Amino acid sequence: MTTPLPQPDPAPEHGPEHGLERPRPPGDDGVSARVGKRTISAGVLPAVVAAALAITGWAWPGWFAGSAGTTFGMIAVALAVLAAAVLLRRSRMWVRAGRDARVWAEQWDVGEISPRAAVDGWVKAVCGAPAPLYLGRGSVPMFRRRRKLAPTILPLRTASGPLAAGHAVVVHARADGAALTQKDQIVVKALGARGPILIGRIDDGAVFAADRWTAGTA
C-alpha cells in the first residue's frame, strides 16, 4: 500500500470575490516609461528632418541657392533641431518621473507615507471629479473607437507650487485600471511647470502620471 504524496496548498487567488486585492505594480505602473518612449519616438522625426535638410544642403547646394534659400534652409534645420531637443529633454524628464514614482511607492510600502508625513518635493492637493479626454465618438460610425488606455482630465489644486492656483491636468491611464476619484487623499509632485506631474494616492500607494492641460492640448 503506497502512501499518497502530500499536495501543496493552492495559491491564494486575488480579487474582490476572494477577499484579497491584487498587488499593485510598483510606482506608476509603467506609465512614465510608456509616455517617455512615445516622446522619444516623436523626437526622432524632427531629428531625421534636420539631418535630411543638412545633407541635402551639403550634397545639392543648388536647392538652397541665393540668400532666401540659404535663410530658409537654416531656419528649417534650426527649428527641426529645436523640436528634437525639446522632445528628448522631455523624455529625460519622464525617466526621472518614473524613478521618483518608484521611490515614493517604496516609501509608502514601508509606512513612511501618511496624511501627516510630508515628503520632500511632494505637496498636499485636492482634486475634482475626473472626466474622459476621449469620448470615443465620431461623426462616422465606422471610425468610432475608444482608446484602450484613454487619459482623463482632472481638476487639481495643490497647497503650493505651480498648481496652487488650480489647473486641469491630463492623467495618463494605468494598465491596471486604477483611477483617481474626488474623495482620494493625494499628494502631488510637479517636475516642471508643464509637467510631468506625479499624483500619489495615500490610501493604497498608487501613483498616477499627468501633464498640464492648456488651451485644448496636453
Protein backbone atom coordinates (compact mmCIF):
# COMPACT_ATOMS: atom_id res chain seq x y z
CA MET A 1 0.00 0.00 0.00
CA THR A 2 1.52 3.32 -1.12
CA THR A 3 1.18 6.48 0.89
CA PRO A 4 -0.17 9.39 -1.19
CA LEU A 5 2.20 12.30 -1.51
CA PRO A 6 1.10 15.47 0.26
CA GLN A 7 -0.31 18.06 -2.09
CA PRO A 8 0.83 21.69 -1.80
CA ASP A 9 -1.70 24.19 -0.66
CA PRO A 10 -3.24 26.09 -3.57
CA ALA A 11 -2.00 29.61 -4.05
CA PRO A 12 -4.48 32.22 -2.83
CA GLU A 13 -6.50 33.80 -5.58
CA HIS A 14 -6.75 37.54 -5.81
CA GLY A 15 -9.76 39.62 -6.49
CA PRO A 16 -12.75 41.10 -4.67
CA GLU A 17 -14.65 37.79 -4.82
CA HIS A 18 -11.87 36.12 -2.80
CA GLY A 19 -11.47 38.95 -0.30
CA LEU A 20 -7.94 39.74 -1.48
CA GLU A 21 -6.76 42.64 -3.61
CA ARG A 22 -4.34 42.03 -6.47
CA PRO A 23 -0.96 43.56 -5.58
CA ARG A 24 -0.37 46.81 -7.46
CA PRO A 25 2.75 47.15 -9.61
CA PRO A 26 5.39 49.42 -8.02
CA GLY A 27 5.44 53.10 -8.91
CA ASP A 28 3.13 54.38 -11.61
CA ASP A 29 2.55 51.00 -13.31
CA GLY A 30 4.99 51.86 -16.11
CA VAL A 31 3.09 54.94 -17.29
CA SER A 32 6.15 57.23 -17.21
CA ALA A 33 8.17 54.71 -19.22
CA ARG A 34 5.36 54.39 -21.76
CA VAL A 35 4.97 58.15 -22.21
CA GLY A 36 8.74 58.60 -22.30
CA LYS A 37 9.13 56.09 -25.12
CA ARG A 38 6.34 57.79 -27.03
CA THR A 39 8.07 61.14 -26.57
CA ILE A 40 11.38 59.74 -27.85
CA SER A 41 9.60 58.33 -30.90
CA ALA A 42 8.09 61.76 -31.57
CA GLY A 43 11.53 63.37 -31.27
CA VAL A 44 13.04 61.08 -33.91
CA LEU A 45 11.02 62.67 -36.74
CA PRO A 46 12.32 66.26 -36.40
CA ALA A 47 15.84 64.89 -35.89
CA VAL A 48 15.59 62.96 -39.16
CA VAL A 49 14.18 66.03 -40.93
CA ALA A 50 17.06 68.18 -39.66
CA ALA A 51 19.62 65.63 -40.81
CA ALA A 52 17.94 65.27 -44.21
CA LEU A 53 17.88 69.04 -44.77
CA ALA A 54 21.52 69.42 -43.72
CA ILE A 55 22.66 66.59 -46.00
CA THR A 56 20.58 67.96 -48.87
CA GLY A 57 22.08 71.43 -48.50
CA TRP A 58 25.58 69.97 -48.42
CA ALA A 59 25.18 67.48 -51.29
CA TRP A 60 22.97 69.62 -53.53
CA PRO A 61 23.68 73.26 -52.70
CA GLY A 62 21.52 74.33 -55.61
CA TRP A 63 18.42 73.52 -53.57
CA PHE A 64 19.23 76.42 -51.21
CA ALA A 65 20.69 78.80 -53.78
CA GLY A 66 20.56 82.51 -53.04
CA SER A 67 20.20 84.33 -49.74
CA ALA A 68 16.49 83.47 -49.42
CA GLY A 69 17.11 79.77 -49.97
CA THR A 70 20.01 79.71 -47.53
CA THR A 71 17.97 81.54 -44.89
CA PHE A 72 15.04 79.17 -45.36
CA GLY A 73 17.28 76.14 -45.08
CA MET A 74 19.00 77.38 -41.93
CA ILE A 75 15.69 78.25 -40.26
CA ALA A 76 14.18 74.87 -41.17
CA VAL A 77 17.18 72.97 -39.78
CA ALA A 78 17.22 75.09 -36.61
CA LEU A 79 13.51 74.53 -35.97
CA ALA A 80 13.83 70.78 -36.51
CA VAL A 81 16.82 70.57 -34.17
CA LEU A 82 14.99 72.65 -31.56
CA ALA A 83 11.91 70.40 -31.73
CA ALA A 84 14.04 67.28 -31.38
CA ALA A 85 15.94 68.76 -28.43
CA VAL A 86 12.72 69.74 -26.62
CA LEU A 87 11.21 66.29 -27.06
CA LEU A 88 14.38 64.48 -25.98
CA ARG A 89 14.63 66.69 -22.89
CA ARG A 90 11.00 65.89 -22.18
CA SER A 91 11.72 62.16 -22.43
CA ARG A 92 14.52 62.51 -19.85
CA MET A 93 12.06 64.22 -17.52
CA TRP A 94 9.73 61.24 -17.85
CA VAL A 95 12.60 58.93 -16.91
CA ARG A 96 13.09 60.98 -13.76
CA ALA A 97 9.33 60.90 -13.12
CA GLY A 98 9.31 57.11 -13.24
CA ARG A 99 12.21 56.97 -10.78
CA ASP A 100 10.52 59.40 -8.38
CA ALA A 101 7.27 57.43 -8.60
CA ARG A 102 9.04 54.21 -7.63
CA VAL A 103 10.79 55.88 -4.69
CA TRP A 104 7.52 57.32 -3.37
CA ALA A 105 5.76 53.95 -3.72
CA GLU A 106 8.60 52.24 -1.84
CA GLN A 107 8.34 54.82 0.94
CA TRP A 108 4.61 54.21 1.12
CA ASP A 109 5.18 50.46 1.26
CA VAL A 110 7.38 50.75 4.37
CA GLY A 111 4.96 53.09 6.09
CA GLU A 112 6.79 56.38 5.62
CA ILE A 113 3.87 58.00 3.79
CA SER A 114 0.79 59.20 5.66
CA PRO A 115 -1.59 62.19 5.53
CA ARG A 116 0.59 63.91 8.15
CA ALA A 117 4.03 62.83 6.96
CA ALA A 118 5.45 65.20 4.37
CA VAL A 119 7.96 64.04 1.75
CA ASP A 120 10.40 66.43 0.11
CA GLY A 121 9.06 67.71 -3.19
CA TRP A 122 5.53 66.39 -2.61
CA VAL A 123 2.70 68.70 -1.51
CA LYS A 124 -0.85 68.05 -0.40
CA ALA A 125 -3.55 68.52 -3.02
CA VAL A 126 -7.24 68.13 -3.72
CA CYS A 127 -8.86 67.09 -6.98
CA GLY A 128 -12.26 67.22 -8.59
CA ALA A 129 -14.19 64.56 -10.47
CA PRO A 130 -12.25 63.20 -13.48
CA ALA A 131 -13.71 63.44 -16.97
CA PRO A 132 -12.76 61.38 -20.05
CA LEU A 133 -10.48 63.14 -22.51
CA TYR A 134 -11.56 60.96 -25.45
CA LEU A 135 -15.24 60.07 -25.54
CA GLY A 136 -14.84 57.61 -28.41
CA ARG A 137 -17.39 59.40 -30.57
CA GLY A 138 -17.12 60.41 -34.19
CA SER A 139 -19.31 61.70 -36.98
CA VAL A 140 -18.79 58.50 -38.99
CA PRO A 141 -19.85 55.32 -37.13
CA MET A 142 -17.23 53.12 -38.78
CA PHE A 143 -14.46 55.36 -37.44
CA ARG A 144 -15.75 55.46 -33.87
CA ARG A 145 -13.44 53.80 -31.42
CA ARG A 146 -12.48 54.00 -27.78
CA ARG A 147 -8.86 54.04 -26.73
CA LYS A 148 -7.82 51.13 -24.55
CA LEU A 149 -5.79 53.37 -22.25
CA ALA A 150 -7.74 56.61 -22.54
CA PRO A 151 -6.47 59.54 -20.45
CA THR A 152 -8.74 61.66 -18.26
CA ILE A 153 -9.00 65.33 -17.40
CA LEU A 154 -8.63 66.02 -13.66
CA PRO A 155 -9.14 69.38 -11.91
CA LEU A 156 -6.24 69.69 -9.48
CA ARG A 157 -5.15 72.22 -6.88
CA THR A 158 -2.08 71.91 -4.68
CA ALA A 159 -1.22 73.63 -1.40
CA SER A 160 1.81 75.27 -3.06
CA GLY A 161 3.82 75.19 -6.25
CA PRO A 162 2.91 75.72 -9.92
CA LEU A 163 -0.53 74.14 -9.48
CA ALA A 164 -1.56 76.15 -6.41
CA ALA A 165 -3.97 78.31 -8.42
CA GLY A 166 -5.84 75.23 -9.64
CA HIS A 167 -5.40 73.69 -13.08
CA ALA A 168 -6.74 70.87 -15.20
CA VAL A 169 -4.24 68.10 -15.86
CA VAL A 170 -4.26 65.14 -18.22
CA VAL A 171 -3.88 61.92 -16.22
CA HIS A 172 -2.43 59.07 -18.29
CA ALA A 173 -4.26 55.78 -17.81
CA ARG A 174 -2.66 52.96 -15.84
CA ALA A 175 -2.72 49.49 -17.35
CA ASP A 176 -4.17 48.01 -14.16
CA GLY A 177 -7.28 50.21 -14.45
CA ALA A 178 -6.68 52.17 -11.23
CA ALA A 179 -8.21 55.65 -11.39
CA LEU A 180 -8.44 58.70 -9.16
CA THR A 181 -11.68 59.85 -7.53
CA GLN A 182 -12.74 63.11 -5.98
CA LYS A 183 -12.58 61.64 -2.44
CA ASP A 184 -8.96 60.42 -2.65
CA GLN A 185 -6.29 61.78 -0.32
CA ILE A 186 -3.47 62.74 -2.63
CA VAL A 187 -0.06 64.41 -2.73
CA VAL A 188 1.49 65.88 -5.87
CA LYS A 189 4.98 66.41 -7.23
CA ALA A 190 5.39 68.64 -10.28
CA LEU A 191 8.73 68.15 -12.02
CA GLY A 192 8.12 71.24 -14.12
CA ALA A 193 5.57 73.97 -14.73
CA ARG A 194 4.31 71.98 -17.72
CA GLY A 195 4.84 68.59 -16.13
CA PRO A 196 5.45 65.75 -15.77
CA ILE A 197 3.20 65.68 -12.72
CA LEU A 198 3.05 62.78 -10.28
CA ILE A 199 -0.04 62.21 -8.14
CA GLY A 200 0.36 59.83 -5.21
CA ARG A 201 -2.72 58.34 -3.58
CA ILE A 202 -2.14 57.88 0.13
CA ASP A 203 -4.83 55.22 0.61
CA ASP A 204 -3.14 52.48 -1.45
CA GLY A 205 0.20 53.89 -2.65
CA ALA A 206 -0.82 54.11 -6.32
CA VAL A 207 0.97 56.77 -8.37
CA PHE A 208 -0.56 58.50 -11.39
CA ALA A 209 1.36 60.42 -14.06
CA ALA A 210 -0.07 63.54 -15.65
CA ASP A 211 0.66 66.55 -17.89
CA ARG A 212 -0.57 70.12 -17.74
CA TRP A 213 -3.66 70.86 -19.80
CA THR A 214 -3.88 74.25 -21.51
CA ALA A 215 -5.88 75.50 -24.49
CA GLY A 216 -7.02 72.05 -25.54
CA THR A 217 -3.63 70.35 -25.58
CA ALA A 218 -1.64 68.29 -23.09
